[in-house]
């Protein structure tokens, strides 16, 4: 009797992702077997299952009032989360080729093909409140390599976003695609 009960418990734990053999890449954490950034994910803010309320965003693991509440109801694209220099950048992307390639890189980071995300930048945080700038959703693309002039950590762009946008205009970070969530 007890053996059967433990079998059921083990099956439930396995289905919830507790026995995942491959950990999520930092800074993501596994919630139900799917990787999320607990610092910025509205449904898993600060901890798995801690959902922010309507009109709130997850910022540094805490639910706060969301100046970009319209982001929640977007459709026809994907939120792509990049890991860059120990930070994350969550970008709303509508470029279908970028989204498909990003999904391939999440599944296999070593998959053949271009792997350097390249973005035209614009002023305004869009859907990632931690940055005062954002990637342009329609012109996102992947390149085989990137010139050093556009390769930077997000904090470097944040230090002078207007200057970066005016002088460089393009951001090609040394990033890893961590997650893609289509909407």
Foldseek 3Di string as FASTA:
>chain_A
DVVVVVVVVVVVCVQQCVPPPDAAPPPWGRGRNATDRLQWDQCRQLHHRNHADQQWTRHGRDTDGHPQSVVVPDAQFKFWWKQFPRDIQTATANAVVALVVLVVCQVPVPDDDFDFKKFQKDAANNRGVVARIHGDRYPIDGDNDDDPLQEDGRVVCRVPVVCCCVPVRMHGYPIGTRDIGHD
